[in-house]
Amino acid sequence: MLAEEGQHAPTLADQDAWLARCDREYDNFRAALEYLSTAGNTEWGLRLAGALLRFWESREHITEGRAMLGAILEKPGAEAPSIHRAGALFAAGVLSAIQLDPATERLTLESFEMYREFGDPAGMAMVMNGLAIQSARREEYNQARVRVEEALALWGKLGAGKAALALSNLASIAKHQGDYVTARRTYERILEDYRAVGDDRGIAFTQNGLGDVAAREGDSAQARLHYQESLARFRAIHDEWGMAGVLRDLGNLWRSEGNPGAAEAFYRDSLRIFQRLGHHRGVARVLEHLAACAAMRGSPQRALTLGGAAAALRERLKTPLSVGERDELERVLGEPREAMPATWEEGRVMRLDKVVGFALGE
């Protein structure tokens, strides 16, 4: 089944090709889900809906994906425990987590219990890793660490290569906890594994993670070195998603050093890529960073225009900032927004292409 092929796409090129095929077939997927739901064939409906998770998340059909998953999960007959229901519940939990919906925990825990009922340790590990990510998004890092370590224990028994994903999440969580020794050692362990198998994309992501740790420790020179090595590797394999993320991180590094002018150059390069990819969550985050830079440079009107545009984009996507992100942005823009509310509203109603052009100085 086409929808399930994305779960086994081994390379970035394969994943991109699968997403492009899904783009062309999306109307057929919609029709198939509606038919399966109407016909009462809930098992196939659950299977198809669960398999579309990566497509819905990558193409930002988050609200629609949640609606389709919710409709099939609530159909008579769909409540019976099955592997496909467990997968659909996990997919619903992932999409609801992106929108910071409180229903996330209930859906994902139900998925975990169902995989446990069917004796599927790989499914249990996948869901427990997802629960760890969800806890981290809520900034509940102690709970996140317990959960990611449980996922690692499950994958360790299986000898599965996916343990690298959980290890990366462990490093990220340790970083947020201020446990930089564990974070660095974990990333270094992952880096050795990726180098041993020649996984350039994995190496690039891990070097980026090491850059994050160095930046948190205040070692800007080492952070910049890791980021530049990561960016060069992403460029070599033509991974635009990775490039956009590292460029944004380089912008953050320069901004943390009090150099908004240098930061803006990296943010704009990142923005161009996110806009080309059609990744609006990435666009919104970079607009918020550029707003912070404008405020640092003493340009409150520009800052509020960019901030208002980002807020409107998030509202359309229903993807709010985390508490920490919101508080950080409020510290920068709160006072100017109270003084110039009309400027904020001007940004909110500006067309996205106009906003991007304005942000890029075009």
Protein backbone atom coordinates (compact mmCIF):
# COMPACT_ATOMS: atom_id res chain seq x y z
CA MET A 1 0.00 0.00 0.00
CA LEU A 2 1.41 3.40 -1.04
CA ALA A 3 0.59 5.02 2.32
CA GLU A 4 2.70 2.44 4.15
CA GLU A 5 5.73 2.77 1.88
CA GLY A 6 6.82 5.94 3.69
CA GLN A 7 7.46 3.90 6.85
CA HIS A 8 10.19 1.98 5.05
CA ALA A 9 11.74 4.67 2.82
CA PRO A 10 15.47 4.26 3.58
CA THR A 11 16.86 7.50 2.12
CA LEU A 12 15.89 11.16 1.97
CA ALA A 13 15.36 10.86 -1.80
CA ASP A 14 13.03 7.90 -1.24
CA GLN A 15 11.09 9.85 1.39
CA ASP A 16 10.77 12.89 -0.87
CA ALA A 17 9.60 10.70 -3.76
CA TRP A 18 7.02 9.05 -1.50
CA LEU A 19 5.74 12.42 -0.28
CA ALA A 20 5.41 13.64 -3.88
CA ARG A 21 3.38 10.54 -4.80
CA CYS A 22 1.17 11.08 -1.77
CA ASP A 23 0.62 14.70 -2.86
CA ARG A 24 -0.73 13.43 -6.17
CA GLU A 25 -2.88 10.77 -4.51
CA TYR A 26 -4.16 12.79 -1.57
CA ASP A 27 -7.67 13.25 -2.96
CA ASN A 28 -7.83 9.48 -3.47
CA PHE A 29 -6.70 8.94 0.14
CA ARG A 30 -9.46 11.24 1.33
CA ALA A 31 -12.03 9.38 -0.77
CA ALA A 32 -10.74 6.00 0.42
CA LEU A 33 -10.97 6.99 4.08
CA GLU A 34 -14.50 8.31 3.59
CA TYR A 35 -15.53 5.13 1.77
CA LEU A 36 -13.97 2.81 4.37
CA SER A 37 -15.60 4.79 7.16
CA THR A 38 -19.04 4.78 5.49
CA ALA A 39 -18.79 1.10 4.59
CA GLY A 40 -17.87 0.18 8.14
CA ASN A 41 -14.51 -1.29 7.14
CA THR A 42 -12.84 0.24 10.16
CA GLU A 43 -9.80 -2.03 10.25
CA TRP A 44 -8.61 -0.92 6.81
CA GLY A 45 -9.60 2.64 7.66
CA LEU A 46 -7.45 2.55 10.80
CA ARG A 47 -4.57 1.02 8.85
CA LEU A 48 -4.67 3.70 6.14
CA ALA A 49 -5.11 6.59 8.58
CA GLY A 50 -2.22 5.44 10.77
CA ALA A 51 0.05 5.00 7.75
CA LEU A 52 -0.50 8.60 6.63
CA LEU A 53 1.06 10.10 9.78
CA ARG A 54 4.38 11.03 8.18
CA PHE A 55 2.63 12.60 5.19
CA TRP A 56 0.21 14.64 7.29
CA GLU A 57 3.01 15.87 9.56
CA SER A 58 5.47 16.68 6.76
CA ARG A 59 2.91 18.48 4.61
CA GLU A 60 1.34 20.22 7.63
CA HIS A 61 -2.13 18.76 7.08
CA ILE A 62 -2.23 18.51 10.85
CA THR A 63 -5.77 19.68 11.57
CA GLU A 64 -7.23 17.69 8.68
CA GLY A 65 -5.24 14.60 9.64
CA ARG A 66 -6.51 14.82 13.21
CA ALA A 67 -10.09 15.16 11.97
CA MET A 68 -9.78 12.10 9.72
CA LEU A 69 -8.14 10.03 12.45
CA GLY A 70 -10.75 11.11 14.99
CA ALA A 71 -13.61 10.22 12.65
CA ILE A 72 -12.34 6.69 11.95
CA LEU A 73 -11.36 6.03 15.58
CA GLU A 74 -14.87 6.88 16.75
CA LYS A 75 -16.68 4.68 14.22
CA PRO A 76 -18.65 1.70 15.58
CA GLY A 77 -16.38 -1.31 15.38
CA ALA A 78 -13.19 0.73 15.51
CA GLU A 79 -13.03 0.53 19.29
CA ALA A 80 -11.95 -3.12 19.25
CA PRO A 81 -8.27 -3.53 20.23
CA SER A 82 -6.00 -4.17 17.25
CA ILE A 83 -2.51 -3.32 16.01
CA HIS A 84 -4.00 -0.93 13.45
CA ARG A 85 -6.02 0.89 16.12
CA ALA A 86 -2.84 1.22 18.17
CA GLY A 87 -1.08 2.78 15.16
CA ALA A 88 -3.96 5.17 14.49
CA LEU A 89 -4.03 6.24 18.14
CA PHE A 90 -0.30 6.90 18.05
CA ALA A 91 -0.71 8.99 14.88
CA ALA A 92 -3.53 10.96 16.49
CA GLY A 93 -1.35 11.54 19.55
CA VAL A 94 1.59 12.80 17.48
CA LEU A 95 -0.55 15.29 15.54
CA SER A 96 -2.34 16.51 18.65
CA ALA A 97 1.04 16.99 20.37
CA ILE A 98 2.14 19.34 17.58
CA GLN A 99 -0.88 21.48 18.40
CA LEU A 100 -0.22 21.17 22.18
CA ASP A 101 -3.64 19.60 22.72
CA PRO A 102 -4.20 18.11 26.21
CA ALA A 103 -5.71 15.00 24.54
CA THR A 104 -2.21 14.00 23.45
CA GLU A 105 -1.33 12.03 26.58
CA ARG A 106 -4.56 10.01 26.65
CA LEU A 107 -4.31 8.98 23.00
CA THR A 108 -0.66 8.01 23.19
CA LEU A 109 -0.96 6.09 26.44
CA GLU A 110 -3.90 4.13 25.01
CA SER A 111 -1.72 3.28 22.01
CA PHE A 112 1.08 2.08 24.30
CA GLU A 113 -1.24 -0.14 26.33
CA MET A 114 -2.64 -1.68 23.16
CA TYR A 115 0.82 -2.50 21.80
CA ARG A 116 1.62 -4.05 25.20
CA GLU A 117 -1.58 -6.09 25.08
CA PHE A 118 -0.53 -7.50 21.70
CA GLY A 119 3.03 -8.19 22.88
CA ASP A 120 4.63 -5.81 20.37
CA PRO A 121 7.83 -4.44 21.98
CA ALA A 122 8.82 -2.50 18.84
CA GLY A 123 5.48 -0.68 18.92
CA MET A 124 5.85 -0.08 22.66
CA ALA A 125 9.33 1.41 22.16
CA MET A 126 8.12 3.67 19.35
CA VAL A 127 5.22 4.99 21.43
CA MET A 128 7.27 5.40 24.62
CA ASN A 129 9.79 7.45 22.63
CA GLY A 130 6.86 9.53 21.37
CA LEU A 131 5.67 10.02 24.95
CA ALA A 132 9.15 11.24 25.89
CA ILE A 133 9.05 13.82 23.09
CA GLN A 134 5.61 14.96 24.20
CA SER A 135 6.81 15.40 27.80
CA ALA A 136 9.79 17.42 26.55
CA ARG A 137 7.49 19.69 24.53
CA ARG A 138 5.60 20.41 27.73
CA GLU A 139 9.03 21.11 29.32
CA GLU A 140 8.54 18.21 31.75
CA TYR A 141 12.11 17.05 31.28
CA ASN A 142 12.39 14.68 34.25
CA GLN A 143 9.39 12.68 33.02
CA ALA A 144 10.72 12.86 29.47
CA ARG A 145 14.04 11.35 30.56
CA VAL A 146 12.39 8.45 32.37
CA ARG A 147 10.31 7.70 29.29
CA VAL A 148 13.14 7.89 26.77
CA GLU A 149 15.25 5.58 28.96
CA GLU A 150 12.36 3.10 28.97
CA ALA A 151 12.20 3.29 25.17
CA LEU A 152 15.95 2.64 25.01
CA ALA A 153 15.58 -0.40 27.26
CA LEU A 154 12.88 -1.81 24.97
CA TRP A 155 14.89 -1.18 21.79
CA GLY A 156 18.01 -2.54 23.47
CA LYS A 157 16.32 -5.92 23.90
CA LEU A 158 15.38 -5.90 20.22
CA GLY A 159 18.78 -4.80 18.98
CA ALA A 160 16.94 -2.37 16.73
CA GLY A 161 18.75 0.40 14.88
CA LYS A 162 15.99 2.83 15.87
CA ALA A 163 17.64 3.12 19.27
CA ALA A 164 19.71 5.95 17.73
CA LEU A 165 16.55 8.07 17.60
CA ALA A 166 15.87 7.52 21.30
CA LEU A 167 19.53 8.21 22.13
CA SER A 168 19.31 11.50 20.24
CA ASN A 169 16.20 12.40 22.23
CA LEU A 170 17.99 11.45 25.46
CA ALA A 171 20.84 13.80 24.53
CA SER A 172 18.40 16.60 23.75
CA ILE A 173 16.52 16.13 27.02
CA ALA A 174 19.77 16.03 29.02
CA LYS A 175 20.79 19.27 27.30
CA HIS A 176 17.57 20.97 28.43
CA GLN A 177 18.17 19.68 31.98
CA GLY A 178 21.62 21.26 31.99
CA ASP A 179 23.29 17.83 32.06
CA TYR A 180 25.77 18.73 29.35
CA VAL A 181 28.18 15.89 30.14
CA THR A 182 25.52 13.25 29.41
CA ALA A 183 24.28 15.16 26.39
CA ARG A 184 27.76 15.43 24.83
CA ARG A 185 28.75 11.83 25.59
CA THR A 186 25.48 10.55 24.13
CA TYR A 187 25.87 12.58 20.94
CA GLU A 188 29.48 11.39 20.61
CA ARG A 189 28.33 7.78 20.97
CA ILE A 190 25.70 8.28 18.27
CA LEU A 191 28.26 9.99 16.04
CA GLU A 192 30.58 6.98 16.24
CA ASP A 193 27.72 4.66 15.27
CA TYR A 194 26.71 6.80 12.30
CA ARG A 195 30.29 7.12 11.10
CA ALA A 196 30.73 3.35 11.32
CA VAL A 197 27.88 2.80 8.86
CA GLY A 198 28.54 5.90 6.72
CA ASP A 199 25.21 7.58 7.50
CA ASP A 200 25.92 11.17 6.38
CA ARG A 201 22.51 12.48 7.35
CA GLY A 202 22.77 10.98 10.83
CA ILE A 203 26.28 12.44 11.20
CA ALA A 204 25.01 15.89 10.19
CA PHE A 205 22.13 15.82 12.68
CA THR A 206 24.43 14.65 15.47
CA GLN A 207 27.01 17.35 14.76
CA ASN A 208 24.17 19.85 14.98
CA GLY A 209 23.25 18.41 18.38
CA LEU A 210 26.85 18.79 19.57
CA GLY A 211 26.69 22.40 18.40
CA ASP A 212 23.59 22.92 20.56
CA VAL A 213 25.39 21.55 23.62
CA ALA A 214 28.44 23.75 23.05
CA ALA A 215 26.18 26.79 22.58
CA ARG A 216 24.40 26.06 25.87
CA GLU A 217 27.77 25.83 27.60
CA GLY A 218 28.79 29.22 26.21
CA ASP A 219 31.52 27.83 23.95
CA SER A 220 30.58 29.79 20.83
CA ALA A 221 33.69 28.86 18.87
CA GLN A 222 33.12 25.13 19.33
CA ALA A 223 29.39 25.50 18.64
CA ARG A 224 30.09 27.38 15.41
CA LEU A 225 32.53 24.68 14.31
CA HIS A 226 29.99 21.90 14.88
CA TYR A 227 27.23 23.85 13.14
CA GLN A 228 29.40 24.61 10.12
CA GLU A 229 30.44 20.97 9.79
CA SER A 230 26.79 19.94 10.04
CA LEU A 231 25.73 22.52 7.44
CA ALA A 232 28.45 21.43 5.01
CA ARG A 233 27.38 17.81 5.28
CA PHE A 234 23.70 18.64 4.79
CA ARG A 235 24.63 20.67 1.71
CA ALA A 236 26.70 17.80 0.35
CA ILE A 237 23.70 15.45 0.49
CA HIS A 238 21.24 18.16 -0.67
CA ASP A 239 19.16 17.96 2.53
CA GLU A 240 17.34 21.29 2.56
CA TRP A 241 15.39 20.48 5.73
CA GLY A 242 18.64 19.96 7.62
CA MET A 243 20.24 23.05 6.07
CA ALA A 244 17.33 25.27 7.12
CA GLY A 245 17.54 24.03 10.71
CA VAL A 246 21.29 24.55 11.05
CA LEU A 247 21.13 28.02 9.47
CA ARG A 248 18.50 28.93 12.04
CA ASP A 249 20.74 27.60 14.83
CA LEU A 250 23.67 29.66 13.54
CA GLY A 251 21.39 32.69 13.64
CA ASN A 252 20.48 31.89 17.24
CA LEU A 253 24.15 31.63 18.12
CA TRP A 254 24.99 35.05 16.69
CA ARG A 255 21.92 36.59 18.34
CA SER A 256 22.92 35.14 21.72
CA GLU A 257 26.28 36.88 21.26
CA GLY A 258 24.52 40.22 20.80
CA ASN A 259 25.07 40.46 17.03
CA PRO A 260 21.60 40.71 15.45
CA GLY A 261 22.99 41.86 12.10
CA ALA A 262 25.00 38.64 11.61
CA ALA A 263 22.10 36.59 12.96
CA GLU A 264 19.67 38.07 10.41
CA ALA A 265 21.80 36.89 7.49
CA PHE A 266 21.52 33.28 8.64
CA TYR A 267 17.83 33.61 9.50
CA ARG A 268 17.06 34.93 6.02
CA ASP A 269 18.85 32.02 4.36
CA SER A 270 16.87 29.66 6.59
CA LEU A 271 13.62 31.50 5.79
CA ARG A 272 14.20 31.18 2.04
CA ILE A 273 14.55 27.41 2.36
CA PHE A 274 11.54 26.94 4.66
CA GLN A 275 9.43 29.05 2.29
CA ARG A 276 10.60 27.00 -0.71
CA LEU A 277 9.79 23.78 1.14
CA GLY A 278 6.36 25.12 2.12
CA HIS A 279 7.11 24.42 5.79
CA HIS A 280 5.06 27.09 7.52
CA ARG A 281 5.99 26.13 11.07
CA GLY A 282 9.60 26.75 10.13
CA VAL A 283 8.64 30.05 8.50
CA ALA A 284 6.78 31.17 11.64
CA ARG A 285 9.72 30.33 13.94
CA VAL A 286 12.22 32.23 11.80
CA LEU A 287 9.88 35.24 11.60
CA GLU A 288 9.82 35.27 15.40
CA HIS A 289 13.63 35.18 15.52
CA LEU A 290 13.83 38.03 13.00
CA ALA A 291 11.34 39.98 15.12
CA ALA A 292 13.66 39.56 18.12
CA CYS A 293 16.59 40.80 16.02
CA ALA A 294 14.62 43.87 14.91
CA ALA A 295 13.80 44.66 18.54
CA MET A 296 17.49 44.35 19.44
CA ARG A 297 18.34 46.78 16.63
CA GLY A 298 15.84 49.33 17.91
CA SER A 299 13.21 48.79 15.18
CA PRO A 300 10.01 48.06 17.16
CA GLN A 301 7.66 48.59 14.20
CA ARG A 302 9.51 46.00 12.12
CA ALA A 303 9.62 43.64 15.11
CA LEU A 304 5.86 43.90 15.68
CA THR A 305 5.03 43.44 12.00
CA LEU A 306 7.07 40.23 11.87
CA GLY A 307 5.78 39.03 15.23
CA GLY A 308 2.14 39.66 14.31
CA ALA A 309 2.57 37.80 11.02
CA ALA A 310 4.10 34.82 12.82
CA ALA A 311 1.28 34.79 15.38
CA ALA A 312 -1.38 34.79 12.63
CA LEU A 313 0.40 31.97 10.81
CA ARG A 314 0.51 29.87 13.98
CA GLU A 315 -3.18 30.48 14.56
CA ARG A 316 -4.01 29.24 11.05
CA LEU A 317 -1.90 26.12 11.62
CA LYS A 318 -3.14 25.75 15.23
CA THR A 319 0.48 25.22 16.34
CA PRO A 320 1.06 27.49 19.35
CA LEU A 321 4.43 28.20 20.90
CA SER A 322 5.49 26.24 23.96
CA VAL A 323 5.31 28.05 27.29
CA GLY A 324 9.05 28.75 27.27
CA GLU A 325 9.04 30.00 23.68
CA ARG A 326 6.01 32.21 24.32
CA ASP A 327 7.58 33.72 27.45
CA GLU A 328 10.82 34.45 25.58
CA LEU A 329 8.98 36.22 22.76
CA GLU A 330 6.79 38.12 25.21
CA ARG A 331 9.88 39.50 26.95
CA VAL A 332 11.02 40.94 23.64
CA LEU A 333 7.76 42.13 22.10
CA GLY A 334 5.32 42.54 24.98
CA GLU A 335 5.94 46.19 25.81
CA PRO A 336 6.15 47.47 22.19
CA ARG A 337 2.97 45.54 21.30
CA GLU A 338 1.05 47.28 24.08
CA ALA A 339 2.30 50.65 22.83
CA MET A 340 1.66 50.00 19.11
CA PRO A 341 -1.18 47.45 18.75
CA ALA A 342 -2.05 48.66 15.23
CA THR A 343 1.40 47.67 13.96
CA TRP A 344 0.95 44.15 15.37
CA GLU A 345 -2.39 43.89 13.57
CA GLU A 346 -0.82 45.06 10.31
CA GLY A 347 1.50 42.09 10.49
CA ARG A 348 -1.35 39.73 11.30
CA VAL A 349 -3.31 40.58 8.16
CA MET A 350 -0.33 40.71 5.79
CA ARG A 351 -0.24 38.01 3.08
CA LEU A 352 2.39 35.36 3.64
CA ASP A 353 4.32 36.11 0.46
CA LYS A 354 4.37 39.80 1.40
CA VAL A 355 5.55 38.95 4.91
CA VAL A 356 8.40 36.81 3.60
CA GLY A 357 9.41 39.51 1.13
CA PHE A 358 9.33 42.09 3.93
CA ALA A 359 11.44 39.82 6.17
CA LEU A 360 13.98 39.31 3.39
CA GLY A 361 14.13 43.03 2.61
CA GLU A 362 12.83 42.52 -0.91
